Amino acid sequence: MNERITSVTAHTTLDLVDGAAVGYDWTEDATGVLNVTASDEEPDRVELQFELDGLEVDGLPNHADRVDLTPEQARTVAAALTRHADRIDEGGEDD
């Protein structure tokens, strides 16, 4: 990725994921960076950060998206991710 906004280090959660930018009548697939972090000093939220490779997406300027989650919201997202990953691994239907 060229000119990243999101810092990518050895501690980045996932530094190469498939993603897409989706508009009303368009979709642009690209690789990206997904990171989960919290401030080292007085953390009050979990940050979920996502950035698509700006070289692969023509319809958008370089940018990164961030969602700020409370600890409870982060646990809810983690549980949903685990549930869906298990469902895919098992090849079954969602409960």
N, C-alpha and C. Protein backbone atom coordinates (compact mmCIF):
# COMPACT_ATOMS: atom_id res chain seq x y z
N MET A 1 0.85 -1.18 0.00
CA MET A 1 0.00 0.00 0.00
C MET A 1 0.89 1.23 0.00
N ASN A 2 0.49 2.19 -0.76
CA ASN A 2 1.23 3.43 -0.88
C ASN A 2 0.55 4.51 -0.05
N GLU A 3 1.34 5.36 0.61
CA GLU A 3 0.82 6.50 1.36
C GLU A 3 -0.28 6.09 2.34
N ARG A 4 0.03 5.18 3.22
CA ARG A 4 -0.95 4.73 4.22
C ARG A 4 -1.20 5.81 5.25
N ILE A 5 -2.42 5.86 5.70
CA ILE A 5 -2.78 6.73 6.81
C ILE A 5 -2.64 5.96 8.11
N THR A 6 -3.04 4.68 8.07
CA THR A 6 -2.94 3.81 9.23
C THR A 6 -1.51 3.30 9.36
N SER A 7 -0.93 3.44 10.54
CA SER A 7 0.42 2.92 10.77
C SER A 7 0.38 1.39 10.75
N VAL A 8 1.27 0.80 9.99
CA VAL A 8 1.35 -0.65 9.90
C VAL A 8 2.68 -1.07 10.50
N THR A 9 2.59 -1.86 11.57
CA THR A 9 3.78 -2.32 12.27
C THR A 9 3.67 -3.82 12.50
N ALA A 10 4.63 -4.36 13.19
CA ALA A 10 4.58 -5.78 13.54
C ALA A 10 3.40 -6.07 14.47
N HIS A 11 2.82 -5.04 15.07
CA HIS A 11 1.71 -5.23 16.00
C HIS A 11 0.34 -4.98 15.35
N THR A 12 0.32 -4.64 14.07
CA THR A 12 -0.95 -4.42 13.38
C THR A 12 -1.73 -5.73 13.35
N THR A 13 -3.03 -5.66 13.63
CA THR A 13 -3.84 -6.87 13.74
C THR A 13 -3.81 -7.69 12.45
N LEU A 14 -4.22 -7.11 11.35
CA LEU A 14 -4.19 -7.77 10.04
C LEU A 14 -3.71 -6.75 9.01
N ASP A 15 -2.53 -6.99 8.45
CA ASP A 15 -1.99 -5.98 7.53
C ASP A 15 -2.25 -6.30 6.06
N LEU A 16 -3.03 -7.33 5.78
CA LEU A 16 -3.41 -7.61 4.40
C LEU A 16 -4.73 -8.38 4.41
N VAL A 17 -5.82 -7.67 4.13
CA VAL A 17 -7.14 -8.28 4.08
C VAL A 17 -7.82 -7.87 2.78
N ASP A 18 -8.77 -8.69 2.33
CA ASP A 18 -9.59 -8.33 1.18
C ASP A 18 -10.72 -7.45 1.67
N GLY A 19 -11.00 -6.39 0.92
CA GLY A 19 -12.08 -5.49 1.30
C GLY A 19 -12.69 -4.87 0.07
N ALA A 20 -13.62 -3.97 0.28
CA ALA A 20 -14.27 -3.28 -0.82
C ALA A 20 -14.82 -1.95 -0.35
N ALA A 21 -14.79 -0.98 -1.25
CA ALA A 21 -15.52 0.26 -1.07
C ALA A 21 -16.80 0.10 -1.89
N VAL A 22 -17.94 0.38 -1.27
CA VAL A 22 -19.22 0.14 -1.92
C VAL A 22 -20.03 1.43 -1.95
N GLY A 23 -20.48 1.78 -3.14
CA GLY A 23 -21.33 2.95 -3.31
C GLY A 23 -22.70 2.52 -3.79
N TYR A 24 -23.54 3.47 -4.11
CA TYR A 24 -24.91 3.18 -4.53
C TYR A 24 -24.93 2.28 -5.76
N ASP A 25 -24.10 2.57 -6.74
CA ASP A 25 -24.11 1.78 -7.97
C ASP A 25 -22.71 1.35 -8.41
N TRP A 26 -21.81 1.19 -7.43
CA TRP A 26 -20.45 0.77 -7.75
C TRP A 26 -19.83 0.03 -6.57
N THR A 27 -18.85 -0.80 -6.88
CA THR A 27 -18.05 -1.50 -5.87
C THR A 27 -16.62 -1.59 -6.39
N GLU A 28 -15.66 -1.24 -5.55
CA GLU A 28 -14.26 -1.37 -5.91
C GLU A 28 -13.59 -2.27 -4.88
N ASP A 29 -13.12 -3.44 -5.32
CA ASP A 29 -12.40 -4.37 -4.45
C ASP A 29 -10.96 -3.93 -4.31
N ALA A 30 -10.39 -4.15 -3.13
CA ALA A 30 -9.00 -3.78 -2.88
C ALA A 30 -8.49 -4.53 -1.65
N THR A 31 -7.18 -4.58 -1.52
CA THR A 31 -6.61 -5.09 -0.28
C THR A 31 -6.56 -3.94 0.73
N GLY A 32 -6.44 -4.31 1.99
CA GLY A 32 -6.44 -3.27 3.00
C GLY A 32 -5.78 -3.71 4.29
N VAL A 33 -5.86 -2.83 5.27
CA VAL A 33 -5.30 -3.04 6.60
C VAL A 33 -6.45 -2.95 7.59
N LEU A 34 -6.49 -3.90 8.54
CA LEU A 34 -7.49 -3.89 9.61
C LEU A 34 -6.74 -3.94 10.93
N ASN A 35 -7.02 -3.01 11.80
CA ASN A 35 -6.31 -2.95 13.07
C ASN A 35 -7.28 -2.71 14.22
N VAL A 36 -7.00 -3.35 15.34
CA VAL A 36 -7.75 -3.13 16.57
C VAL A 36 -6.75 -2.65 17.60
N THR A 37 -7.08 -1.56 18.27
CA THR A 37 -6.14 -0.99 19.23
C THR A 37 -6.89 -0.20 20.31
N ALA A 38 -6.17 0.18 21.31
CA ALA A 38 -6.66 1.09 22.35
C ALA A 38 -5.47 1.94 22.78
N SER A 39 -5.75 3.11 23.26
CA SER A 39 -4.71 4.02 23.70
C SER A 39 -3.87 3.38 24.80
N ASP A 40 -2.58 3.64 24.79
CA ASP A 40 -1.71 3.14 25.85
C ASP A 40 -1.92 3.92 27.15
N GLU A 41 -2.32 5.18 27.02
CA GLU A 41 -2.50 6.04 28.19
C GLU A 41 -4.00 6.30 28.39
N GLU A 42 -4.53 5.87 29.51
CA GLU A 42 -5.92 6.08 29.88
C GLU A 42 -6.90 5.68 28.77
N PRO A 43 -6.88 4.42 28.37
CA PRO A 43 -7.79 3.99 27.31
C PRO A 43 -9.24 4.05 27.77
N ASP A 44 -10.10 4.59 26.90
CA ASP A 44 -11.53 4.65 27.22
C ASP A 44 -12.38 4.05 26.12
N ARG A 45 -11.73 3.56 25.05
CA ARG A 45 -12.46 2.96 23.94
C ARG A 45 -11.53 2.01 23.18
N VAL A 46 -12.13 1.12 22.44
CA VAL A 46 -11.40 0.24 21.53
C VAL A 46 -11.57 0.83 20.14
N GLU A 47 -10.49 0.98 19.40
CA GLU A 47 -10.56 1.52 18.06
C GLU A 47 -10.45 0.39 17.04
N LEU A 48 -11.41 0.32 16.14
CA LEU A 48 -11.37 -0.60 15.01
C LEU A 48 -11.06 0.27 13.79
N GLN A 49 -9.90 0.03 13.18
CA GLN A 49 -9.43 0.86 12.08
C GLN A 49 -9.37 0.04 10.79
N PHE A 50 -9.77 0.65 9.66
CA PHE A 50 -9.73 -0.04 8.38
C PHE A 50 -9.32 0.94 7.29
N GLU A 51 -8.41 0.50 6.44
CA GLU A 51 -7.96 1.34 5.33
C GLU A 51 -7.74 0.48 4.10
N LEU A 52 -8.39 0.85 3.00
CA LEU A 52 -8.14 0.18 1.72
C LEU A 52 -6.92 0.80 1.06
N ASP A 53 -6.25 0.01 0.24
CA ASP A 53 -5.09 0.51 -0.51
C ASP A 53 -5.56 1.56 -1.50
N GLY A 54 -5.10 2.78 -1.32
CA GLY A 54 -5.50 3.89 -2.18
C GLY A 54 -5.12 3.72 -3.64
N LEU A 55 -4.12 2.90 -3.91
CA LEU A 55 -3.72 2.66 -5.30
C LEU A 55 -4.70 1.75 -6.03
N GLU A 56 -5.49 0.99 -5.28
CA GLU A 56 -6.42 0.04 -5.88
C GLU A 56 -7.84 0.58 -5.97
N VAL A 57 -8.11 1.73 -5.38
CA VAL A 57 -9.46 2.29 -5.36
C VAL A 57 -9.42 3.65 -6.04
N ASP A 58 -10.04 3.73 -7.21
CA ASP A 58 -10.01 4.97 -7.98
C ASP A 58 -11.07 5.97 -7.55
N GLY A 59 -12.19 5.48 -7.02
CA GLY A 59 -13.33 6.34 -6.74
C GLY A 59 -13.26 7.13 -5.45
N LEU A 60 -12.23 6.89 -4.62
CA LEU A 60 -12.14 7.56 -3.33
C LEU A 60 -10.75 8.15 -3.12
N PRO A 61 -10.68 9.28 -2.41
CA PRO A 61 -9.36 9.77 -2.01
C PRO A 61 -8.80 8.85 -0.92
N ASN A 62 -7.47 8.89 -0.71
CA ASN A 62 -6.89 8.09 0.37
C ASN A 62 -7.55 8.49 1.68
N HIS A 63 -8.02 7.48 2.41
CA HIS A 63 -8.65 7.74 3.70
C HIS A 63 -8.64 6.46 4.51
N ALA A 64 -8.88 6.59 5.79
CA ALA A 64 -9.02 5.45 6.69
C ALA A 64 -10.31 5.64 7.46
N ASP A 65 -10.96 4.55 7.80
CA ASP A 65 -12.17 4.59 8.59
C ASP A 65 -11.88 4.08 9.99
N ARG A 66 -12.58 4.61 10.98
CA ARG A 66 -12.38 4.20 12.36
C ARG A 66 -13.72 4.12 13.05
N VAL A 67 -13.89 3.09 13.85
CA VAL A 67 -15.07 2.95 14.69
C VAL A 67 -14.58 2.91 16.13
N ASP A 68 -15.14 3.77 16.97
CA ASP A 68 -14.80 3.78 18.39
C ASP A 68 -15.85 2.96 19.13
N LEU A 69 -15.40 1.94 19.85
CA LEU A 69 -16.29 1.02 20.55
C LEU A 69 -16.04 1.06 22.05
N THR A 70 -17.13 0.99 22.82
CA THR A 70 -16.96 0.80 24.26
C THR A 70 -16.47 -0.64 24.46
N PRO A 71 -15.93 -0.95 25.62
CA PRO A 71 -15.54 -2.34 25.87
C PRO A 71 -16.70 -3.32 25.65
N GLU A 72 -17.90 -2.97 26.07
CA GLU A 72 -19.06 -3.85 25.87
C GLU A 72 -19.35 -4.05 24.38
N GLN A 73 -19.30 -2.97 23.61
CA GLN A 73 -19.53 -3.08 22.16
C GLN A 73 -18.44 -3.93 21.50
N ALA A 74 -17.21 -3.76 21.93
CA ALA A 74 -16.11 -4.55 21.36
C ALA A 74 -16.31 -6.04 21.64
N ARG A 75 -16.78 -6.36 22.84
CA ARG A 75 -17.06 -7.77 23.17
C ARG A 75 -18.21 -8.31 22.33
N THR A 76 -19.22 -7.50 22.07
CA THR A 76 -20.34 -7.91 21.23
C THR A 76 -19.86 -8.20 19.81
N VAL A 77 -19.02 -7.33 19.27
CA VAL A 77 -18.46 -7.55 17.93
C VAL A 77 -17.59 -8.81 17.92
N ALA A 78 -16.77 -8.99 18.94
CA ALA A 78 -15.91 -10.17 19.02
C ALA A 78 -16.74 -11.45 19.06
N ALA A 79 -17.82 -11.44 19.82
CA ALA A 79 -18.69 -12.63 19.90
C ALA A 79 -19.35 -12.91 18.56
N ALA A 80 -19.79 -11.86 17.87
CA ALA A 80 -20.42 -12.05 16.56
C ALA A 80 -19.41 -12.58 15.54
N LEU A 81 -18.20 -12.07 15.57
CA LEU A 81 -17.15 -12.58 14.67
C LEU A 81 -16.87 -14.05 14.94
N THR A 82 -16.78 -14.42 16.20
CA THR A 82 -16.52 -15.82 16.56
C THR A 82 -17.67 -16.71 16.12
N ARG A 83 -18.89 -16.26 16.36
CA ARG A 83 -20.07 -17.05 15.99
C ARG A 83 -20.11 -17.31 14.48
N HIS A 84 -19.87 -16.28 13.69
CA HIS A 84 -19.92 -16.44 12.23
C HIS A 84 -18.73 -17.25 11.71
N ALA A 85 -17.56 -17.08 12.32
CA ALA A 85 -16.40 -17.89 11.92
C ALA A 85 -16.65 -19.36 12.22
N ASP A 86 -17.22 -19.65 13.37
CA ASP A 86 -17.56 -21.04 13.72
C ASP A 86 -18.57 -21.62 12.73
N ARG A 87 -19.56 -20.82 12.36
CA ARG A 87 -20.58 -21.28 11.42
C ARG A 87 -19.94 -21.62 10.08
N ILE A 88 -19.02 -20.79 9.61
CA ILE A 88 -18.34 -21.05 8.34
C ILE A 88 -17.48 -22.30 8.45
N ASP A 89 -16.73 -22.42 9.56
CA ASP A 89 -15.88 -23.60 9.76
C ASP A 89 -16.70 -24.89 9.77
N GLU A 90 -17.89 -24.82 10.35
CA GLU A 90 -18.75 -25.99 10.47
C GLU A 90 -19.58 -26.24 9.22
N GLY A 91 -19.59 -25.26 8.30
CA GLY A 91 -20.37 -25.39 7.08
C GLY A 91 -21.86 -25.43 7.32
N GLY A 92 -22.28 -24.88 8.44
CA GLY A 92 -23.69 -24.95 8.82
C GLY A 92 -24.39 -23.63 8.71
N GLU A 93 -25.61 -23.64 9.18
CA GLU A 93 -26.46 -22.46 9.19
C GLU A 93 -26.31 -21.70 10.49
N ASP A 94 -26.62 -20.41 10.47
CA ASP A 94 -26.62 -19.58 11.67
C ASP A 94 -27.79 -20.00 12.56
N ASP A 95 -27.58 -19.99 13.89
CA ASP A 95 -28.65 -20.37 14.82
C ASP A 95 -29.78 -19.37 14.81
